[in-house]
Amino acid sequence: MDREAIERSLASYRGHLSHGNTWNLRKNLNSHLILSKETEEERKKAYQDLFHKNKPKGESEENL
């Protein structure tokens, strides 16, 4: 799913939520949602860099 499709879906969902008593739900959705312009490859590299930096001795990626 590309970023534009996600943004359209969220806009639709927020519009639907606006018709009810959902202020806390909308607030939580906004505070927990992170959209990034990183590519999948950039995310994987960042994760691998983080994992290798904080990897306990004897752990492997297969255990995740």
N, C-alpha and C. Protein backbone atom coordinates (compact mmCIF):
# COMPACT_ATOMS: atom_id res chain seq x y z
N MET A 1 0.86 -1.16 0.00
CA MET A 1 0.00 0.00 0.00
C MET A 1 0.91 1.23 0.00
N ASP A 2 0.70 2.14 -0.93
CA ASP A 2 1.55 3.32 -0.98
C ASP A 2 1.07 4.40 -0.02
N ARG A 3 1.91 5.40 0.19
CA ARG A 3 1.62 6.45 1.15
C ARG A 3 0.33 7.20 0.84
N GLU A 4 0.08 7.50 -0.43
CA GLU A 4 -1.14 8.22 -0.80
C GLU A 4 -2.39 7.41 -0.46
N ALA A 5 -2.34 6.12 -0.69
CA ALA A 5 -3.48 5.26 -0.37
C ALA A 5 -3.72 5.23 1.14
N ILE A 6 -2.65 5.18 1.91
CA ILE A 6 -2.77 5.19 3.37
C ILE A 6 -3.37 6.51 3.84
N GLU A 7 -2.90 7.62 3.29
CA GLU A 7 -3.42 8.93 3.68
C GLU A 7 -4.90 9.06 3.32
N ARG A 8 -5.30 8.55 2.16
CA ARG A 8 -6.73 8.59 1.78
C ARG A 8 -7.56 7.75 2.74
N SER A 9 -7.05 6.58 3.08
CA SER A 9 -7.77 5.70 3.99
C SER A 9 -7.92 6.33 5.37
N LEU A 10 -6.84 6.95 5.86
CA LEU A 10 -6.90 7.61 7.17
C LEU A 10 -7.86 8.79 7.14
N ALA A 11 -7.85 9.56 6.06
CA ALA A 11 -8.77 10.69 5.95
C ALA A 11 -10.22 10.20 5.99
N SER A 12 -10.49 9.11 5.31
CA SER A 12 -11.83 8.54 5.32
C SER A 12 -12.21 8.06 6.72
N TYR A 13 -11.29 7.37 7.38
CA TYR A 13 -11.52 6.87 8.72
C TYR A 13 -11.76 8.01 9.70
N ARG A 14 -10.94 9.05 9.60
CA ARG A 14 -11.12 10.22 10.49
C ARG A 14 -12.46 10.89 10.23
N GLY A 15 -12.87 10.96 8.98
CA GLY A 15 -14.18 11.53 8.66
C GLY A 15 -15.29 10.72 9.29
N HIS A 16 -15.18 9.41 9.21
CA HIS A 16 -16.16 8.53 9.84
C HIS A 16 -16.18 8.73 11.35
N LEU A 17 -15.00 8.80 11.96
CA LEU A 17 -14.92 8.99 13.41
C LEU A 17 -15.46 10.33 13.86
N SER A 18 -15.40 11.33 13.00
CA SER A 18 -15.84 12.67 13.40
C SER A 18 -17.34 12.75 13.66
N HIS A 19 -18.10 11.72 13.26
CA HIS A 19 -19.55 11.72 13.46
C HIS A 19 -19.96 11.14 14.80
N GLY A 20 -18.99 10.72 15.60
CA GLY A 20 -19.32 10.12 16.89
C GLY A 20 -18.55 10.78 18.02
N ASN A 21 -18.76 10.27 19.20
CA ASN A 21 -18.05 10.76 20.39
C ASN A 21 -16.72 10.02 20.46
N THR A 22 -15.76 10.45 19.62
CA THR A 22 -14.53 9.70 19.45
C THR A 22 -13.28 10.56 19.62
N TRP A 23 -13.37 11.63 20.37
CA TRP A 23 -12.23 12.54 20.49
C TRP A 23 -10.99 11.81 20.98
N ASN A 24 -11.12 10.99 22.05
CA ASN A 24 -9.95 10.28 22.59
C ASN A 24 -9.40 9.27 21.58
N LEU A 25 -10.27 8.59 20.86
CA LEU A 25 -9.82 7.64 19.86
C LEU A 25 -9.04 8.36 18.76
N ARG A 26 -9.54 9.49 18.29
CA ARG A 26 -8.84 10.26 17.25
C ARG A 26 -7.51 10.79 17.78
N LYS A 27 -7.50 11.26 19.03
CA LYS A 27 -6.27 11.76 19.62
C LYS A 27 -5.23 10.64 19.72
N ASN A 28 -5.64 9.47 20.18
CA ASN A 28 -4.73 8.33 20.29
C ASN A 28 -4.24 7.87 18.92
N LEU A 29 -5.11 7.87 17.95
CA LEU A 29 -4.73 7.49 16.60
C LEU A 29 -3.64 8.42 16.08
N ASN A 30 -3.82 9.70 16.28
CA ASN A 30 -2.84 10.68 15.81
C ASN A 30 -1.53 10.59 16.57
N SER A 31 -1.58 10.28 17.85
CA SER A 31 -0.34 10.25 18.63
C SER A 31 0.44 8.95 18.45
N HIS A 32 -0.21 7.89 17.99
CA HIS A 32 0.47 6.61 17.84
C HIS A 32 0.83 6.27 16.40
N LEU A 33 0.36 7.06 15.49
CA LEU A 33 0.59 6.78 14.09
C LEU A 33 1.81 7.54 13.60
N ILE A 34 2.71 6.83 12.96
CA ILE A 34 3.91 7.46 12.41
C ILE A 34 3.97 7.09 10.93
N LEU A 35 3.91 8.10 10.08
CA LEU A 35 4.08 7.88 8.65
C LEU A 35 5.48 8.35 8.28
N SER A 36 6.14 7.56 7.51
CA SER A 36 7.51 7.86 7.14
C SER A 36 7.66 7.85 5.63
N LYS A 37 8.57 8.64 5.13
CA LYS A 37 8.86 8.64 3.71
C LYS A 37 10.03 7.72 3.38
N GLU A 38 10.49 6.97 4.38
CA GLU A 38 11.58 6.03 4.14
C GLU A 38 11.11 4.92 3.20
N THR A 39 12.01 4.46 2.39
CA THR A 39 11.71 3.29 1.56
C THR A 39 11.82 2.04 2.42
N GLU A 40 11.31 0.94 1.91
CA GLU A 40 11.40 -0.31 2.66
C GLU A 40 12.86 -0.70 2.88
N GLU A 41 13.70 -0.47 1.87
CA GLU A 41 15.12 -0.78 2.02
C GLU A 41 15.76 0.07 3.11
N GLU A 42 15.42 1.35 3.19
CA GLU A 42 15.97 2.22 4.23
C GLU A 42 15.53 1.77 5.61
N ARG A 43 14.25 1.36 5.74
CA ARG A 43 13.76 0.86 7.03
C ARG A 43 14.49 -0.40 7.44
N LYS A 44 14.69 -1.32 6.49
CA LYS A 44 15.39 -2.57 6.80
C LYS A 44 16.82 -2.30 7.24
N LYS A 45 17.50 -1.40 6.53
CA LYS A 45 18.88 -1.07 6.89
C LYS A 45 18.95 -0.45 8.27
N ALA A 46 18.03 0.49 8.56
CA ALA A 46 18.01 1.13 9.87
C ALA A 46 17.76 0.10 10.97
N TYR A 47 16.85 -0.83 10.71
CA TYR A 47 16.56 -1.87 11.69
C TYR A 47 17.79 -2.75 11.90
N GLN A 48 18.42 -3.16 10.80
CA GLN A 48 19.60 -4.01 10.92
C GLN A 48 20.72 -3.29 11.66
N ASP A 49 20.92 -2.00 11.35
CA ASP A 49 21.95 -1.23 12.05
C ASP A 49 21.65 -1.17 13.54
N LEU A 50 20.40 -0.93 13.89
CA LEU A 50 20.00 -0.86 15.29
C LEU A 50 20.16 -2.23 15.96
N PHE A 51 19.73 -3.28 15.27
CA PHE A 51 19.81 -4.62 15.83
C PHE A 51 21.26 -5.01 16.10
N HIS A 52 22.13 -4.77 15.14
CA HIS A 52 23.53 -5.16 15.31
C HIS A 52 24.23 -4.33 16.38
N LYS A 53 23.79 -3.09 16.55
CA LYS A 53 24.39 -2.23 17.57
C LYS A 53 23.99 -2.69 18.96
N ASN A 54 22.75 -3.17 19.13
CA ASN A 54 22.23 -3.52 20.45
C ASN A 54 22.06 -5.02 20.65
N LYS A 55 22.63 -5.83 19.75
CA LYS A 55 22.43 -7.27 19.80
C LYS A 55 23.18 -7.87 21.00
N PRO A 56 22.45 -8.61 21.85
CA PRO A 56 23.12 -9.31 22.95
C PRO A 56 24.03 -10.39 22.39
N LYS A 57 25.10 -10.67 23.08
CA LYS A 57 26.06 -11.67 22.61
C LYS A 57 25.34 -13.03 22.47
N GLY A 58 25.56 -13.66 21.34
CA GLY A 58 24.96 -14.97 21.10
C GLY A 58 23.59 -14.91 20.44
N GLU A 59 23.02 -13.76 20.26
CA GLU A 59 21.71 -13.63 19.61
C GLU A 59 21.86 -13.52 18.12
N SER A 60 20.86 -13.99 17.38
CA SER A 60 20.88 -13.85 15.92
C SER A 60 19.54 -13.27 15.47
N GLU A 61 19.50 -12.79 14.23
CA GLU A 61 18.27 -12.22 13.70
C GLU A 61 17.18 -13.28 13.59
N GLU A 62 17.54 -14.55 13.48
CA GLU A 62 16.57 -15.62 13.35
C GLU A 62 15.71 -15.76 14.60
N ASN A 63 16.17 -15.27 15.73
CA ASN A 63 15.43 -15.38 16.98
C ASN A 63 14.38 -14.30 17.14
N LEU A 64 14.31 -13.36 16.20
CA LEU A 64 13.34 -12.27 16.35
C LEU A 64 11.97 -12.68 15.97
